[in-house]
């Protein structure tokens, strides 16, 4: 069984000012459309996600510069991996 993922659209407060429910948007997988539901906070589990900024908010010049920067970044390699690759290629 898989958990459905949803996006919180609005928090609903009670008369005493405590958040008791939320309006969430869920994608219906059968019809591929967005459904807005109201669910109690106790039935929701928060996920902390690190999202990139929306492309609508970023000017095109900055967007192209960030794409170039992302393509040139390489992860560091372990020394053993580099030595093993050189041995396989017969360069050592």
PDB file of N, CA and C in Angstrom:
ATOM      1  N   UNK A   1       0.848  -1.182   0.000  1.00  0.00           N
ATOM      2  CA  UNK A   1       0.000   0.000   0.000  1.00  0.00           C
ATOM      3  C   UNK A   1       0.890   1.242   0.000  1.00  0.00           C
ATOM      4  N   UNK A   2       0.587   2.173  -0.862  1.00  0.00           N
ATOM      5  CA  UNK A   2       1.359   3.399  -0.967  1.00  0.00           C
ATOM      6  C   UNK A   2       0.587   4.559  -0.354  1.00  0.00           C
ATOM      7  N   UNK A   3       1.311   5.492   0.206  1.00  0.00           N
ATOM      8  CA  UNK A   3       0.694   6.691   0.772  1.00  0.00           C
ATOM      9  C   UNK A   3       0.480   7.696  -0.341  1.00  0.00           C
ATOM     10  N   UNK A   4      -0.633   8.378  -0.311  1.00  0.00           N
ATOM     11  CA  UNK A   4      -0.886   9.423  -1.295  1.00  0.00           C
ATOM     12  C   UNK A   4      -0.139  10.682  -0.876  1.00  0.00           C
ATOM     13  N   UNK A   5       0.472  11.331  -1.834  1.00  0.00           N
ATOM     14  CA  UNK A   5       1.149  12.593  -1.578  1.00  0.00           C
ATOM     15  C   UNK A   5       0.216  13.727  -1.951  1.00  0.00           C
ATOM     16  N   UNK A   6       0.255  14.778  -1.156  1.00  0.00           N
ATOM     17  CA  UNK A   6      -0.609  15.933  -1.402  1.00  0.00           C
ATOM     18  C   UNK A   6       0.146  17.198  -1.048  1.00  0.00           C
ATOM     19  N   UNK A   7      -0.359  18.304  -1.536  1.00  0.00           N
ATOM     20  CA  UNK A   7       0.215  19.609  -1.229  1.00  0.00           C
ATOM     21  C   UNK A   7      -0.796  20.375  -0.391  1.00  0.00           C
ATOM     22  N   UNK A   8      -0.327  20.941   0.723  1.00  0.00           N
ATOM     23  CA  UNK A   8      -1.200  21.736   1.588  1.00  0.00           C
ATOM     24  C   UNK A   8      -1.451  23.066   0.910  1.00  0.00           C
ATOM     25  N   UNK A   9      -2.725  23.363   0.718  1.00  0.00           N
ATOM     26  CA  UNK A   9      -3.100  24.605   0.056  1.00  0.00           C
ATOM     27  C   UNK A   9      -3.446  25.684   1.079  1.00  0.00           C
ATOM     28  N   UNK A  10      -4.078  25.272   2.181  1.00  0.00           N
ATOM     29  CA  UNK A  10      -4.513  26.246   3.180  1.00  0.00           C
ATOM     30  C   UNK A  10      -4.657  25.549   4.527  1.00  0.00           C
ATOM     31  N   UNK A  11      -4.265  26.243   5.600  1.00  0.00           N
ATOM     32  CA  UNK A  11      -4.485  25.744   6.952  1.00  0.00           C
ATOM     33  C   UNK A  11      -5.774  26.343   7.493  1.00  0.00           C
ATOM     34  N   UNK A  12      -6.587  25.513   8.135  1.00  0.00           N
ATOM     35  CA  UNK A  12      -7.876  25.959   8.663  1.00  0.00           C
ATOM     36  C   UNK A  12      -7.781  26.008  10.184  1.00  0.00           C
ATOM     37  N   UNK A  13      -8.028  27.194  10.741  1.00  0.00           N
ATOM     38  CA  UNK A  13      -7.966  27.386  12.192  1.00  0.00           C
ATOM     39  C   UNK A  13      -9.359  27.278  12.796  1.00  0.00           C
ATOM     40  N   UNK A  14      -9.410  26.817  14.050  1.00  0.00           N
ATOM     41  CA  UNK A  14     -10.681  26.749  14.766  1.00  0.00           C
ATOM     42  C   UNK A  14     -10.958  28.097  15.431  1.00  0.00           C
ATOM     43  N   UNK A  15     -12.061  28.180  16.159  1.00  0.00           N
ATOM     44  CA  UNK A  15     -12.431  29.439  16.806  1.00  0.00           C
ATOM     45  C   UNK A  15     -11.418  29.860  17.867  1.00  0.00           C
ATOM     46  N   UNK A  16     -10.726  28.884  18.466  1.00  0.00           N
ATOM     47  CA  UNK A  16      -9.729  29.224  19.479  1.00  0.00           C
ATOM     48  C   UNK A  16      -8.357  29.536  18.875  1.00  0.00           C
ATOM     49  N   UNK A  17      -8.240  29.559  17.552  1.00  0.00           N
ATOM     50  CA  UNK A  17      -7.007  29.963  16.886  1.00  0.00           C
ATOM     51  C   UNK A  17      -6.007  28.849  16.642  1.00  0.00           C
ATOM     52  N   UNK A  18      -6.367  27.611  16.959  1.00  0.00           N
ATOM     53  CA  UNK A  18      -5.478  26.475  16.763  1.00  0.00           C
ATOM     54  C   UNK A  18      -5.766  25.847  15.395  1.00  0.00           C
ATOM     55  N   UNK A  19      -4.703  25.487  14.680  1.00  0.00           N
ATOM     56  CA  UNK A  19      -4.881  24.845  13.376  1.00  0.00           C
ATOM     57  C   UNK A  19      -5.396  23.432  13.608  1.00  0.00           C
ATOM     58  N   UNK A  20      -6.563  23.139  13.061  1.00  0.00           N
ATOM     59  CA  UNK A  20      -7.202  21.834  13.264  1.00  0.00           C
ATOM     60  C   UNK A  20      -7.332  21.029  11.971  1.00  0.00           C
ATOM     61  N   UNK A  21      -7.324  21.700  10.816  1.00  0.00           N
ATOM     62  CA  UNK A  21      -7.514  21.010   9.539  1.00  0.00           C
ATOM     63  C   UNK A  21      -6.735  21.733   8.451  1.00  0.00           C
ATOM     64  N   UNK A  22      -6.717  21.118   7.283  1.00  0.00           N
ATOM     65  CA  UNK A  22      -6.022  21.714   6.142  1.00  0.00           C
ATOM     66  C   UNK A  22      -6.744  21.346   4.858  1.00  0.00           C
ATOM     67  N   UNK A  23      -6.697  22.263   3.900  1.00  0.00           N
ATOM     68  CA  UNK A  23      -7.170  21.961   2.548  1.00  0.00           C
ATOM     69  C   UNK A  23      -5.957  21.480   1.779  1.00  0.00           C
ATOM     70  N   UNK A  24      -6.081  20.302   1.183  1.00  0.00           N
ATOM     71  CA  UNK A  24      -4.964  19.714   0.457  1.00  0.00           C
ATOM     72  C   UNK A  24      -5.361  19.430  -0.986  1.00  0.00           C
ATOM     73  N   UNK A  25      -4.376  19.412  -1.867  1.00  0.00           N
ATOM     74  CA  UNK A  25      -4.587  19.073  -3.276  1.00  0.00           C
ATOM     75  C   UNK A  25      -3.950  17.713  -3.536  1.00  0.00           C
ATOM     76  N   UNK A  26      -4.757  16.775  -4.044  1.00  0.00           N
ATOM     77  CA  UNK A  26      -4.311  15.420  -4.343  1.00  0.00           C
ATOM     78  C   UNK A  26      -4.572  15.151  -5.818  1.00  0.00           C
ATOM     79  N   UNK A  27      -3.654  14.429  -6.465  1.00  0.00           N
ATOM     80  CA  UNK A  27      -3.854  14.063  -7.864  1.00  0.00           C
ATOM     81  C   UNK A  27      -4.568  12.721  -7.912  1.00  0.00           C
ATOM     82  N   UNK A  28      -5.685  12.673  -8.620  1.00  0.00           N
ATOM     83  CA  UNK A  28      -6.421  11.438  -8.826  1.00  0.00           C
ATOM     84  C   UNK A  28      -5.713  10.661  -9.927  1.00  0.00           C
ATOM     85  N   UNK A  29      -5.139   9.517  -9.585  1.00  0.00           N
ATOM     86  CA  UNK A  29      -4.320   8.786 -10.555  1.00  0.00           C
ATOM     87  C   UNK A  29      -5.140   8.208 -11.701  1.00  0.00           C
ATOM     88  N   UNK A  30      -6.399   7.884 -11.471  1.00  0.00           N
ATOM     89  CA  UNK A  30      -7.222   7.295 -12.530  1.00  0.00           C
ATOM     90  C   UNK A  30      -7.549   8.318 -13.614  1.00  0.00           C
ATOM     91  N   UNK A  31      -7.906   9.517 -13.211  1.00  0.00           N
ATOM     92  CA  UNK A  31      -8.317  10.538 -14.177  1.00  0.00           C
ATOM     93  C   UNK A  31      -7.276  11.635 -14.353  1.00  0.00           C
ATOM     94  N   UNK A  32      -6.191  11.565 -13.582  1.00  0.00           N
ATOM     95  CA  UNK A  32      -5.098  12.536 -13.634  1.00  0.00           C
ATOM     96  C   UNK A  32      -5.588  13.977 -13.520  1.00  0.00           C
ATOM     97  N   UNK A  33      -6.399  14.220 -12.525  1.00  0.00           N
ATOM     98  CA  UNK A  33      -6.849  15.582 -12.258  1.00  0.00           C
ATOM     99  C   UNK A  33      -6.655  15.875 -10.777  1.00  0.00           C
ATOM    100  N   UNK A  34      -6.579  17.146 -10.441  1.00  0.00           N
ATOM    101  CA  UNK A  34      -6.323  17.569  -9.066  1.00  0.00           C
ATOM    102  C   UNK A  34      -7.644  17.678  -8.318  1.00  0.00           C
ATOM    103  N   UNK A  35      -7.675  17.087  -7.129  1.00  0.00           N
ATOM    104  CA  UNK A  35      -8.857  17.138  -6.274  1.00  0.00           C
ATOM    105  C   UNK A  35      -8.481  17.878  -5.001  1.00  0.00           C
ATOM    106  N   UNK A  36      -9.324  18.791  -4.565  1.00  0.00           N
ATOM    107  CA  UNK A  36      -9.092  19.522  -3.325  1.00  0.00           C
ATOM    108  C   UNK A  36      -9.918  18.873  -2.218  1.00  0.00           C
ATOM    109  N   UNK A  37      -9.241  18.481  -1.132  1.00  0.00           N
ATOM    110  CA  UNK A  37      -9.891  17.819  -0.006  1.00  0.00           C
ATOM    111  C   UNK A  37      -9.635  18.586   1.277  1.00  0.00           C
ATOM    112  N   UNK A  38     -10.475  18.349   2.269  1.00  0.00           N
ATOM    113  CA  UNK A  38     -10.297  18.926   3.598  1.00  0.00           C
ATOM    114  C   UNK A  38     -10.015  17.773   4.542  1.00  0.00           C
ATOM    115  N   UNK A  39      -8.857  17.803   5.203  1.00  0.00           N
ATOM    116  CA  UNK A  39      -8.449  16.712   6.083  1.00  0.00           C
ATOM    117  C   UNK A  39      -7.994  17.254   7.435  1.00  0.00           C
ATOM    118  N   UNK A  40      -8.256  16.505   8.519  1.00  0.00           N
ATOM    119  CA  UNK A  40      -7.758  16.921   9.833  1.00  0.00           C
ATOM    120  C   UNK A  40      -6.232  16.798   9.897  1.00  0.00           C
ATOM    121  N   UNK A  41      -5.635  17.653  10.693  1.00  0.00           N
ATOM    122  CA  UNK A  41      -4.173  17.678  10.824  1.00  0.00           C
ATOM    123  C   UNK A  41      -3.641  16.336  11.330  1.00  0.00           C
ATOM    124  N   UNK A  42      -4.390  15.655  12.191  1.00  0.00           N
ATOM    125  CA  UNK A  42      -3.942  14.375  12.746  1.00  0.00           C
ATOM    126  C   UNK A  42      -3.746  13.315  11.661  1.00  0.00           C
ATOM    127  N   UNK A  43      -4.403  13.461  10.525  1.00  0.00           N
ATOM    128  CA  UNK A  43      -4.293  12.472   9.459  1.00  0.00           C
ATOM    129  C   UNK A  43      -3.243  12.838   8.418  1.00  0.00           C
ATOM    130  N   UNK A  44      -2.514  13.916   8.647  1.00  0.00           N
ATOM    131  CA  UNK A  44      -1.485  14.353   7.707  1.00  0.00           C
ATOM    132  C   UNK A  44      -0.105  14.137   8.313  1.00  0.00           C
ATOM    133  N   UNK A  45       0.827  13.716   7.489  1.00  0.00           N
ATOM    134  CA  UNK A  45       2.209  13.531   7.928  1.00  0.00           C
ATOM    135  C   UNK A  45       3.077  14.470   7.095  1.00  0.00           C
ATOM    136  N   UNK A  46       3.779  15.415   7.746  1.00  0.00           N
ATOM    137  CA  UNK A  46       4.569  16.387   6.976  1.00  0.00           C
ATOM    138  C   UNK A  46       5.850  15.763   6.416  1.00  0.00           C
ATOM    139  N   UNK A  47       6.191  16.162   5.216  1.00  0.00           N
ATOM    140  CA  UNK A  47       7.461  15.803   4.598  1.00  0.00           C
ATOM    141  C   UNK A  47       8.216  17.087   4.326  1.00  0.00           C
ATOM    142  N   UNK A  48       9.461  17.154   4.772  1.00  0.00           N
ATOM    143  CA  UNK A  48      10.269  18.336   4.503  1.00  0.00           C
ATOM    144  C   UNK A  48      11.015  18.102   3.200  1.00  0.00           C
ATOM    145  N   UNK A  49      10.733  18.933   2.224  1.00  0.00           N
ATOM    146  CA  UNK A  49      11.354  18.801   0.919  1.00  0.00           C
ATOM    147  C   UNK A  49      12.152  20.042   0.599  1.00  0.00           C
ATOM    148  N   UNK A  50      13.269  19.844  -0.032  1.00  0.00           N
ATOM    149  CA  UNK A  50      14.081  20.971  -0.473  1.00  0.00           C
ATOM    150  C   UNK A  50      13.777  21.171  -1.951  1.00  0.00           C
ATOM    151  N   UNK A  51      13.021  22.200  -2.256  1.00  0.00           N
ATOM    152  CA  UNK A  51      12.596  22.452  -3.622  1.00  0.00           C
ATOM    153  C   UNK A  51      13.438  23.544  -4.245  1.00  0.00           C
ATOM    154  N   UNK A  52      13.655  23.415  -5.527  1.00  0.00           N
ATOM    155  CA  UNK A  52      14.351  24.476  -6.238  1.00  0.00           C
ATOM    156  C   UNK A  52      13.373  25.618  -6.469  1.00  0.00           C
ATOM    157  N   UNK A  53      13.875  26.832  -6.629  1.00  0.00           N
ATOM    158  CA  UNK A  53      12.963  27.962  -6.849  1.00  0.00           C
ATOM    159  C   UNK A  53      12.190  27.789  -8.150  1.00  0.00           C
ATOM    160  N   UNK A  54      10.984  28.309  -8.172  1.00  0.00           N
ATOM    161  CA  UNK A  54      10.161  28.226  -9.378  1.00  0.00           C
ATOM    162  C   UNK A  54      10.851  28.957 -10.513  1.00  0.00           C
ATOM    163  N   UNK A  55      10.755  28.408 -11.704  1.00  0.00           N
ATOM    164  CA  UNK A  55      11.405  29.036 -12.850  1.00  0.00           C
ATOM    165  C   UNK A  55      10.700  30.317 -13.256  1.00  0.00           C
ATOM    166  N   UNK A  56       9.439  30.474 -12.849  1.00  0.00           N
ATOM    167  CA  UNK A  56       8.712  31.697 -13.176  1.00  0.00           C
ATOM    168  C   UNK A  56       9.287  32.899 -12.433  1.00  0.00           C
ATOM    169  N   UNK A  57       9.794  32.666 -11.223  1.00  0.00           N
ATOM    170  CA  UNK A  57      10.310  33.747 -10.396  1.00  0.00           C
ATOM    171  C   UNK A  57      11.747  34.120 -10.745  1.00  0.00           C
ATOM    172  N   UNK A  58      12.462  33.255 -11.459  1.00  0.00           N
ATOM    173  CA  UNK A  58      13.868  33.470 -11.751  1.00  0.00           C
ATOM    174  C   UNK A  58      14.005  34.088 -13.142  1.00  0.00           C
ATOM    175  N   UNK A  59      14.741  35.197 -13.259  1.00  0.00           N
ATOM    176  CA  UNK A  59      14.966  35.782 -14.586  1.00  0.00           C
ATOM    177  C   UNK A  59      15.714  34.803 -15.493  1.00  0.00           C
ATOM    178  N   UNK A  60      15.502  34.868 -16.819  1.00  0.00           N
ATOM    179  CA  UNK A  60      16.137  33.915 -17.741  1.00  0.00           C
ATOM    180  C   UNK A  60      17.656  33.915 -17.677  1.00  0.00           C
ATOM    181  N   UNK A  61      18.284  35.070 -17.454  1.00  0.00           N
ATOM    182  CA  UNK A  61      19.749  35.131 -17.403  1.00  0.00           C
ATOM    183  C   UNK A  61      20.281  34.327 -16.223  1.00  0.00           C
ATOM    184  N   UNK A  62      19.632  34.441 -15.085  1.00  0.00           N
ATOM    185  CA  UNK A  62      20.067  33.699 -13.900  1.00  0.00           C
ATOM    186  C   UNK A  62      19.802  32.213 -14.094  1.00  0.00           C
ATOM    187  N   UNK A  63      18.692  31.895 -14.725  1.00  0.00           N
ATOM    188  CA  UNK A  63      18.342  30.497 -14.953  1.00  0.00           C
ATOM    189  C   UNK A  63      19.375  29.806 -15.836  1.00  0.00           C
ATOM    190  N   UNK A  64      19.810  30.457 -16.913  1.00  0.00           N
ATOM    191  CA  UNK A  64      20.798  29.844 -17.805  1.00  0.00           C
ATOM    192  C   UNK A  64      22.152  29.723 -17.113  1.00  0.00           C
ATOM    193  N   UNK A  65      22.504  30.691 -16.287  1.00  0.00           N
ATOM    194  CA  UNK A  65      23.772  30.622 -15.559  1.00  0.00           C
ATOM    195  C   UNK A  65      23.757  29.476 -14.561  1.00  0.00           C
ATOM    196  N   UNK A  66      22.629  29.257 -13.894  1.00  0.00           N
ATOM    197  CA  UNK A  66      22.554  28.172 -12.921  1.00  0.00           C
ATOM    198  C   UNK A  66      22.598  26.817 -13.612  1.00  0.00           C
ATOM    199  N   UNK A  67      22.020  26.699 -14.823  1.00  0.00           N
ATOM    200  CA  UNK A  67      22.086  25.439 -15.566  1.00  0.00           C
ATOM    201  C   UNK A  67      23.521  25.131 -15.968  1.00  0.00           C
ATOM    202  N   UNK A  68      24.271  26.156 -16.392  1.00  0.00           N
ATOM    203  CA  UNK A  68      25.668  25.957 -16.762  1.00  0.00           C
ATOM    204  C   UNK A  68      26.483  25.533 -15.549  1.00  0.00           C
ATOM    205  N   UNK A  69      26.217  26.143 -14.416  1.00  0.00           N
ATOM    206  CA  UNK A  69      26.939  25.823 -13.196  1.00  0.00           C
ATOM    207  C   UNK A  69      26.657  24.388 -12.773  1.00  0.00           C
ATOM    208  N   UNK A  70      25.393  23.950 -12.870  1.00  0.00           N
ATOM    209  CA  UNK A  70      25.030  22.590 -12.491  1.00  0.00           C
ATOM    210  C   UNK A  70      25.713  21.560 -13.381  1.00  0.00           C
ATOM    211  N   UNK A  71      25.868  21.867 -14.658  1.00  0.00           N
ATOM    212  CA  UNK A  71      26.456  20.897 -15.573  1.00  0.00           C
ATOM    213  C   UNK A  71      27.964  20.755 -15.366  1.00  0.00           C
ATOM    214  N   UNK A  72      28.637  21.762 -14.819  1.00  0.00           N
ATOM    215  CA  UNK A  72      30.084  21.697 -14.640  1.00  0.00           C
ATOM    216  C   UNK A  72      30.490  21.141 -13.279  1.00  0.00           C
ATOM    217  N   UNK A  73      29.581  21.016 -12.351  1.00  0.00           N
ATOM    218  CA  UNK A  73      29.910  20.512 -11.018  1.00  0.00           C
ATOM    219  C   UNK A  73      30.075  18.998 -11.080  1.00  0.00           C
ATOM    220  N   UNK A  74      31.203  18.503 -10.534  1.00  0.00           N
ATOM    221  CA  UNK A  74      31.436  17.071 -10.472  1.00  0.00           C
ATOM    222  C   UNK A  74      31.622  16.662  -9.028  1.00  0.00           C
ATOM    223  N   UNK A  75      31.141  15.489  -8.720  1.00  0.00           N
ATOM    224  CA  UNK A  75      31.334  14.963  -7.377  1.00  0.00           C
ATOM    225  C   UNK A  75      32.774  14.486  -7.220  1.00  0.00           C
ATOM    226  N   UNK A  76      33.349  14.611  -6.030  1.00  0.00           N
ATOM    227  CA  UNK A  76      34.708  14.114  -5.819  1.00  0.00           C
ATOM    228  C   UNK A  76      34.728  12.585  -5.900  1.00  0.00           C
ATOM    229  N   UNK A  77      35.817  12.055  -6.437  1.00  0.00           N
ATOM    230  CA  UNK A  77      35.934  10.607  -6.571  1.00  0.00           C
ATOM    231  C   UNK A  77      36.922  10.076  -5.551  1.00  0.00           C
ATOM    232  N   UNK A  78      36.664   8.868  -5.106  1.00  0.00           N
ATOM    233  CA  UNK A  78      37.587   8.231  -4.175  1.00  0.00           C
ATOM    234  C   UNK A  78      38.884   7.887  -4.894  1.00  0.00           C
ATOM    235  N   UNK A  79      39.980   7.947  -4.170  1.00  0.00           N
ATOM    236  CA  UNK A  79      41.287   7.636  -4.748  1.00  0.00           C
ATOM    237  C   UNK A  79      41.315   6.196  -5.243  1.00  0.00           C
ATOM    238  N   UNK A  80      40.730   5.278  -4.479  1.00  0.00           N
ATOM    239  CA  UNK A  80      40.718   3.871  -4.874  1.00  0.00           C
ATOM    240  C   UNK A  80      39.960   3.681  -6.186  1.00  0.00           C
ATOM    241  N   UNK A  81      38.904   4.430  -6.405  1.00  0.00           N
ATOM    242  CA  UNK A  81      38.143   4.319  -7.651  1.00  0.00           C
ATOM    243  C   UNK A  81      38.964   4.810  -8.832  1.00  0.00           C
ATOM    244  N   UNK A  82      39.701   5.891  -8.635  1.00  0.00           N
ATOM    245  CA  UNK A  82      40.535   6.434  -9.712  1.00  0.00           C
ATOM    246  C   UNK A  82      41.652   5.457 -10.046  1.00  0.00           C
ATOM    247  N   UNK A  83      42.322   4.906  -9.024  1.00  0.00           N
ATOM    248  CA  UNK A  83      43.412   3.950  -9.242  1.00  0.00           C
ATOM    249  C   UNK A  83      42.876   2.704  -9.936  1.00  0.00           C
ATOM    250  N   UNK A  84      41.726   2.206  -9.503  1.00  0.00           N
ATOM    251  CA  UNK A  84      41.132   1.022 -10.125  1.00  0.00           C
ATOM    252  C   UNK A  84      40.800   1.250 -11.584  1.00  0.00           C
ATOM    253  N   UNK A  85      40.290   2.421 -11.900  1.00  0.00           N
ATOM    254  CA  UNK A  85      39.969   2.741 -13.294  1.00  0.00           C
ATOM    255  C   UNK A  85      41.234   2.797 -14.144  1.00  0.00           C
ATOM    256  N   UNK A  86      42.294   3.393 -13.605  1.00  0.00           N
ATOM    257  CA  UNK A  86      43.563   3.461 -14.340  1.00  0.00           C
ATOM    258  C   UNK A  86      44.150   2.071 -14.558  1.00  0.00           C
ATOM    259  N   UNK A  87      44.040   1.195 -13.550  1.00  0.00           N
ATOM    260  CA  UNK A  87      44.552  -0.170 -13.695  1.00  0.00           C
ATOM    261  C   UNK A  87      43.772  -0.938 -14.757  1.00  0.00           C
ATOM    262  N   UNK A  88      42.470  -0.754 -14.805  1.00  0.00           N
ATOM    263  CA  UNK A  88      41.650  -1.441 -15.805  1.00  0.00           C
ATOM    264  C   UNK A  88      41.982  -0.972 -17.213  1.00  0.00           C
ATOM    265  N   UNK A  89      42.296   0.296 -17.342  1.00  0.00           N
ATOM    266  CA  UNK A  89      42.617   0.835 -18.665  1.00  0.00           C
ATOM    267  C   UNK A  89      44.064   0.550 -19.060  1.00  0.00           C
ATOM    268  N   UNK A  90      44.867   0.042 -18.123  1.00  0.00           N
ATOM    269  CA  UNK A  90      46.260  -0.279 -18.422  1.00  0.00           C
ATOM    270  C   UNK A  90      47.154   0.934 -18.478  1.00  0.00           C
ATOM    271  N   UNK A  91      46.817   1.979 -17.765  1.00  0.00           N
ATOM    272  CA  UNK A  91      47.601   3.208 -17.799  1.00  0.00           C
ATOM    273  C   UNK A  91      48.595   3.283 -16.659  1.00  0.00           C
ATOM    274  N   UNK A  92      48.672   2.299 -15.854  1.00  0.00           N
ATOM    275  CA  UNK A  92      49.569   2.391 -14.723  1.00  0.00           C
ATOM    276  C   UNK A  92      50.691   1.429 -14.825  1.00  0.00           C
TER     277      UNK A  92
END
